[in-house]
Amino acid sequence: MSKIQSTFAQLKSENKKALIPFITAGDPHPDMTVSMLHALVDYGADMIELGIPFSDPMADGPVIQRASERALANNVGIKKTIKLVKQFRENNTKTPIILMGYANPIEAIGIDNFVNLIKDADVDGVVTVDYPPEESKEFVSLLRKNDIDSIFLISPTTEDTRIKLITSQASGFLYYVSLKGVTGSSNIDIKQVAERVMNIKKYSDLPVAVGFGVRDSETAKQVALISDAVVIGSRIVLEVESSSQENILVNIKKLMDEIKKAIS
């Protein structure tokens, strides 16, 4: 059982939902990433999604796009991101780390090399936004051989036949995109999300995490009632962007406290 699977199992036994915050590696500065990861754990993160900076993040809205731009300006790419995970692992071997990124950087260094590097860094899962299931079999197979979960996105427009295909390859959990749009969008239709999550669960026993558009504690509370995990990304990255380096952690802690309390 992977760390992601065991974390969900433990939370389920306690009747709790997972809180999965997202930050971009290298934003606002690579020297702060590891301390931010540890702080997120201290502030209640059950697992962490770490974004690999990329120049054309098609699924991300302006907030996370700007975070990628800042990180790339700091010379943080895929290999540096993995090195930062290794540094985090020097003091934390328990909290699941999920890398979120795009196919281009992975293809550039080669999928075999990528999987070897993240295995060595003790990465637990990978979300690759633009790897469709039809083209992911080799990649998923490599991840499985190395006990790394392959996490797929499911959108409001994903048809049932495609959900079946995705769930046949996915492991760890399923990531439901709560709306049609990019990260940071608003106006989640909770009723519609609930219906879609219930439909997904007809095809898989995997936990379902909901992200994209979770902006405040009230939304997080509503999402937690209908899913197994709440992913919060743009709202945290906005705190990073709008804070000075001296008060980033204080501001993130305040937000995390609010969200954690809401979903408990």
Protein backbone atom coordinates (compact mmCIF):
# COMPACT_ATOMS: atom_id res chain seq x y z
CA MET A 1 0.00 0.00 0.00
CA SER A 2 1.41 3.39 -1.00
CA LYS A 3 1.72 6.30 1.42
CA ILE A 4 -1.13 8.03 -0.40
CA GLN A 5 -3.37 4.98 -0.01
CA SER A 6 -2.46 4.46 3.64
CA THR A 7 -3.04 8.15 4.40
CA PHE A 8 -6.54 8.00 2.93
CA ALA A 9 -7.24 4.74 4.78
CA GLN A 10 -6.17 6.28 8.10
CA LEU A 11 -8.26 9.40 7.53
CA LYS A 12 -11.27 7.32 6.58
CA SER A 13 -10.97 5.31 9.79
CA GLU A 14 -11.06 8.63 11.67
CA ASN A 15 -13.97 9.95 9.57
CA LYS A 16 -11.79 12.78 8.28
CA LYS A 17 -11.16 14.30 4.86
CA ALA A 18 -7.73 14.99 3.38
CA LEU A 19 -6.42 18.51 2.95
CA ILE A 20 -4.05 18.78 -0.03
CA PRO A 21 -2.43 22.19 -0.48
CA PHE A 22 -0.53 23.12 -3.64
CA ILE A 23 2.53 25.29 -4.06
CA THR A 24 4.90 25.78 -6.99
CA ALA A 25 8.48 24.65 -6.46
CA GLY A 26 10.87 27.61 -6.44
CA ASP A 27 8.21 30.24 -5.75
CA PRO A 28 8.92 32.83 -4.45
CA HIS A 29 12.50 31.54 -4.10
CA PRO A 30 13.99 28.03 -4.16
CA ASP A 31 15.55 28.59 -0.73
CA MET A 32 12.04 28.83 0.74
CA THR A 33 10.40 25.78 -0.85
CA VAL A 34 11.53 23.16 1.66
CA SER A 35 10.63 25.31 4.67
CA MET A 36 7.22 25.97 3.09
CA LEU A 37 6.66 22.24 2.60
CA HIS A 38 7.45 21.56 6.25
CA ALA A 39 5.24 24.46 7.31
CA LEU A 40 2.30 23.11 5.31
CA VAL A 41 2.64 19.80 7.16
CA ASP A 42 2.75 21.64 10.48
CA TYR A 43 -0.35 23.60 9.44
CA GLY A 44 -2.42 20.48 8.74
CA ALA A 45 -1.60 19.22 5.24
CA ASP A 46 -2.30 15.50 4.90
CA MET A 47 -0.36 15.37 1.63
CA ILE A 48 1.13 18.05 -0.61
CA GLU A 49 0.89 18.76 -4.31
CA LEU A 50 4.09 20.35 -5.60
CA GLY A 51 3.97 22.04 -8.97
CA ILE A 52 6.80 21.60 -11.46
CA PRO A 53 7.37 25.03 -13.06
CA PHE A 54 6.54 25.08 -16.75
CA SER A 55 6.40 27.85 -19.34
CA ASP A 56 3.01 26.88 -20.79
CA PRO A 57 0.83 25.55 -17.95
CA MET A 58 -2.40 25.20 -19.91
CA ALA A 59 -4.58 24.09 -16.99
CA ASP A 60 -3.46 26.88 -14.69
CA GLY A 61 -4.95 30.30 -14.29
CA PRO A 62 -3.02 33.59 -13.99
CA VAL A 63 -2.02 33.12 -10.34
CA ILE A 64 -0.22 29.81 -10.83
CA GLN A 65 1.07 30.92 -14.23
CA ARG A 66 2.83 33.81 -12.51
CA ALA A 67 4.20 31.42 -9.88
CA SER A 68 5.72 29.29 -12.65
CA GLU A 69 7.23 32.39 -14.24
CA ARG A 70 8.82 33.42 -10.93
CA ALA A 71 10.17 29.91 -10.35
CA LEU A 72 11.59 29.65 -13.87
CA ALA A 73 13.26 33.03 -13.38
CA ASN A 74 14.88 31.43 -10.32
CA ASN A 75 16.17 28.61 -12.57
CA VAL A 76 13.88 26.00 -11.02
CA GLY A 77 12.80 23.30 -13.44
CA ILE A 78 12.00 19.63 -13.21
CA LYS A 79 15.35 18.42 -11.87
CA LYS A 80 15.61 21.18 -9.27
CA THR A 81 12.05 20.43 -8.15
CA ILE A 82 13.00 16.79 -7.55
CA LYS A 83 16.10 17.88 -5.62
CA LEU A 84 13.91 20.03 -3.38
CA VAL A 85 11.74 16.98 -2.62
CA LYS A 86 14.90 15.06 -1.65
CA GLN A 87 15.82 17.86 0.74
CA PHE A 88 12.34 17.75 2.27
CA ARG A 89 12.67 13.99 2.71
CA GLU A 90 15.75 14.45 4.89
CA ASN A 91 13.38 15.38 7.73
CA ASN A 92 10.01 14.04 6.59
CA THR A 93 9.56 10.56 5.16
CA LYS A 94 5.87 10.25 6.03
CA THR A 95 3.88 12.97 4.25
CA PRO A 96 2.92 12.01 0.68
CA ILE A 97 4.32 14.30 -2.02
CA ILE A 98 2.54 14.50 -5.37
CA LEU A 99 4.24 16.19 -8.30
CA MET A 100 1.95 18.05 -10.67
CA GLY A 101 3.20 19.05 -14.08
CA TYR A 102 3.10 18.67 -17.82
CA ALA A 103 4.35 16.13 -20.33
CA ASN A 104 6.90 18.36 -22.09
CA PRO A 105 9.52 18.50 -19.30
CA ILE A 106 9.08 14.78 -18.59
CA GLU A 107 9.52 13.88 -22.23
CA ALA A 108 12.54 16.19 -22.43
CA ILE A 109 14.47 14.25 -19.79
CA GLY A 110 12.92 10.89 -20.73
CA ILE A 111 10.25 9.01 -18.81
CA ASP A 112 12.66 6.34 -17.59
CA ASN A 113 15.03 8.97 -16.23
CA PHE A 114 12.14 10.91 -14.69
CA VAL A 115 10.74 7.88 -12.89
CA ASN A 116 14.19 6.90 -11.62
CA LEU A 117 14.77 10.41 -10.28
CA ILE A 118 11.43 10.68 -8.50
CA LYS A 119 11.79 7.16 -7.10
CA ASP A 120 15.13 8.17 -5.62
CA ALA A 121 13.50 11.30 -4.16
CA ASP A 122 10.66 9.25 -2.62
CA VAL A 123 7.89 10.97 -4.58
CA ASP A 124 4.54 9.26 -3.97
CA GLY A 125 2.39 10.30 -6.91
CA VAL A 126 2.34 12.17 -10.20
CA VAL A 127 -0.36 14.24 -11.90
CA THR A 128 0.54 14.92 -15.53
CA VAL A 129 -2.11 17.29 -16.85
CA ASP A 130 -1.68 16.64 -20.56
CA TYR A 131 -0.93 12.91 -20.60
CA PRO A 132 -4.23 11.39 -21.82
CA PRO A 133 -4.89 7.82 -20.68
CA GLU A 134 -4.63 6.58 -24.27
CA GLU A 135 -0.99 7.68 -24.36
CA SER A 136 0.00 6.94 -20.76
CA LYS A 137 0.24 3.17 -20.61
CA GLU A 138 4.05 2.99 -20.70
CA PHE A 139 4.36 5.83 -18.20
CA VAL A 140 1.76 4.37 -15.84
CA SER A 141 3.43 0.97 -16.06
CA LEU A 142 6.78 2.45 -15.07
CA LEU A 143 5.22 4.30 -12.15
CA ARG A 144 3.47 1.16 -10.91
CA LYS A 145 6.69 -0.86 -11.08
CA ASN A 146 8.24 1.74 -8.79
CA ASP A 147 5.27 1.96 -6.39
CA ILE A 148 4.39 5.50 -7.45
CA ASP A 149 0.73 6.40 -7.87
CA SER A 150 -0.53 7.73 -11.20
CA ILE A 151 -3.22 10.31 -10.57
CA PHE A 152 -5.54 11.41 -13.36
CA LEU A 153 -7.80 14.43 -13.75
CA ILE A 154 -11.51 13.99 -14.44
CA SER A 155 -13.45 17.03 -15.63
CA PRO A 156 -17.16 17.96 -15.68
CA THR A 157 -17.24 17.03 -19.36
CA THR A 158 -15.57 13.62 -19.02
CA GLU A 159 -17.95 10.97 -20.37
CA ASP A 160 -18.58 7.70 -18.54
CA THR A 161 -16.71 5.60 -21.09
CA ARG A 162 -13.65 7.75 -20.53
CA ILE A 163 -14.06 7.65 -16.75
CA LYS A 164 -13.87 3.84 -17.04
CA LEU A 165 -10.65 4.13 -19.05
CA ILE A 166 -9.12 6.56 -16.57
CA THR A 167 -10.03 4.50 -13.52
CA SER A 168 -8.51 1.40 -15.10
CA GLN A 169 -5.11 3.13 -15.04
CA ALA A 170 -5.32 5.42 -12.01
CA SER A 171 -4.07 4.71 -8.51
CA GLY A 172 -3.82 6.66 -5.26
CA PHE A 173 -6.85 8.85 -5.87
CA LEU A 174 -8.85 10.51 -8.62
CA TYR A 175 -8.65 14.27 -9.05
CA TYR A 176 -11.97 15.82 -10.00
CA VAL A 177 -11.76 19.26 -11.59
CA SER A 178 -14.77 21.01 -10.12
CA LEU A 179 -15.52 23.35 -13.03
CA LYS A 180 -14.93 24.07 -16.68
CA GLY A 181 -11.91 26.33 -16.64
CA VAL A 182 -8.45 26.78 -15.20
CA THR A 183 -7.14 26.80 -11.66
CA GLY A 184 -8.31 29.75 -9.62
CA SER A 185 -11.70 29.99 -11.29
CA SER A 186 -14.71 30.61 -9.07
CA ASN A 187 -18.42 29.82 -8.85
CA ILE A 188 -18.36 26.11 -8.08
CA ASP A 189 -21.77 24.47 -8.47
CA ILE A 190 -21.69 22.23 -5.39
CA LYS A 191 -24.80 20.30 -6.39
CA GLN A 192 -23.30 19.50 -9.78
CA VAL A 193 -19.96 18.54 -8.21
CA ALA A 194 -21.75 16.20 -5.80
CA GLU A 195 -23.55 14.49 -8.66
CA ARG A 196 -20.33 14.07 -10.63
CA VAL A 197 -18.40 12.70 -7.64
CA MET A 198 -21.17 10.16 -6.99
CA ASN A 199 -21.04 9.14 -10.65
CA ILE A 200 -17.26 8.69 -10.57
CA LYS A 201 -17.57 6.49 -7.49
CA LYS A 202 -19.76 4.10 -9.47
CA TYR A 203 -16.66 3.15 -11.47
CA SER A 204 -13.93 3.14 -8.85
CA ASP A 205 -13.26 2.62 -5.15
CA LEU A 206 -10.43 5.15 -5.26
CA PRO A 207 -10.83 8.29 -3.13
CA VAL A 208 -11.93 11.37 -5.04
CA ALA A 209 -10.22 14.71 -4.40
CA VAL A 210 -11.83 17.92 -5.63
CA GLY A 211 -9.82 20.94 -6.73
CA PHE A 212 -9.83 24.00 -9.02
CA GLY A 213 -11.92 26.83 -7.58
CA VAL A 214 -11.69 26.10 -3.84
CA ARG A 215 -11.09 29.64 -2.67
CA ASP A 216 -12.26 29.90 0.93
CA SER A 217 -13.24 27.94 4.02
CA GLU A 218 -16.95 27.80 3.17
CA THR A 219 -16.30 26.31 -0.26
CA ALA A 220 -13.81 23.88 1.26
CA LYS A 221 -16.41 22.81 3.83
CA GLN A 222 -19.02 22.12 1.15
CA VAL A 223 -16.51 20.21 -0.99
CA ALA A 224 -15.39 18.11 1.99
CA LEU A 225 -18.96 16.98 2.59
CA ILE A 226 -19.15 15.39 -0.87
CA SER A 227 -15.58 14.18 -1.49
CA ASP A 228 -12.62 12.49 0.17
CA ALA A 229 -10.16 15.36 -0.16
CA VAL A 230 -9.99 19.09 -0.76
CA VAL A 231 -7.23 20.50 -2.98
CA ILE A 232 -6.45 24.17 -2.51
CA GLY A 233 -3.90 25.75 -4.83
CA SER A 234 -4.40 29.19 -6.33
CA ARG A 235 -5.59 30.66 -3.04
CA ILE A 236 -2.37 29.58 -1.31
CA VAL A 237 -0.19 30.68 -4.23
CA LEU A 238 -1.93 34.06 -4.09
CA GLU A 239 -0.84 34.39 -0.46
CA VAL A 240 2.72 33.63 -1.55
CA GLU A 241 2.51 36.27 -4.28
CA SER A 242 0.98 38.99 -2.13
CA SER A 243 3.11 38.46 0.98
CA SER A 244 6.59 39.62 1.83
CA GLN A 245 9.11 36.83 2.41
CA GLU A 246 8.96 37.67 6.12
CA ASN A 247 5.23 37.04 6.50
CA ILE A 248 4.50 34.35 3.88
CA LEU A 249 4.40 31.53 6.42
CA VAL A 250 2.24 33.53 8.84
CA ASN A 251 -0.31 34.28 6.11
CA ILE A 252 -0.33 30.69 4.82
CA LYS A 253 -0.83 29.41 8.36
CA LYS A 254 -3.88 31.64 8.83
CA LEU A 255 -5.43 30.36 5.59
CA MET A 256 -4.58 26.72 6.34
CA ASP A 257 -6.06 27.01 9.84
CA GLU A 258 -9.31 28.32 8.38
CA ILE A 259 -9.52 25.57 5.76
CA LYS A 260 -8.54 22.77 8.14
CA LYS A 261 -11.14 23.87 10.68
CA ALA A 262 -13.79 24.06 7.96
CA ILE A 263 -13.26 20.53 6.63
CA SER A 264 -12.93 18.90 10.05
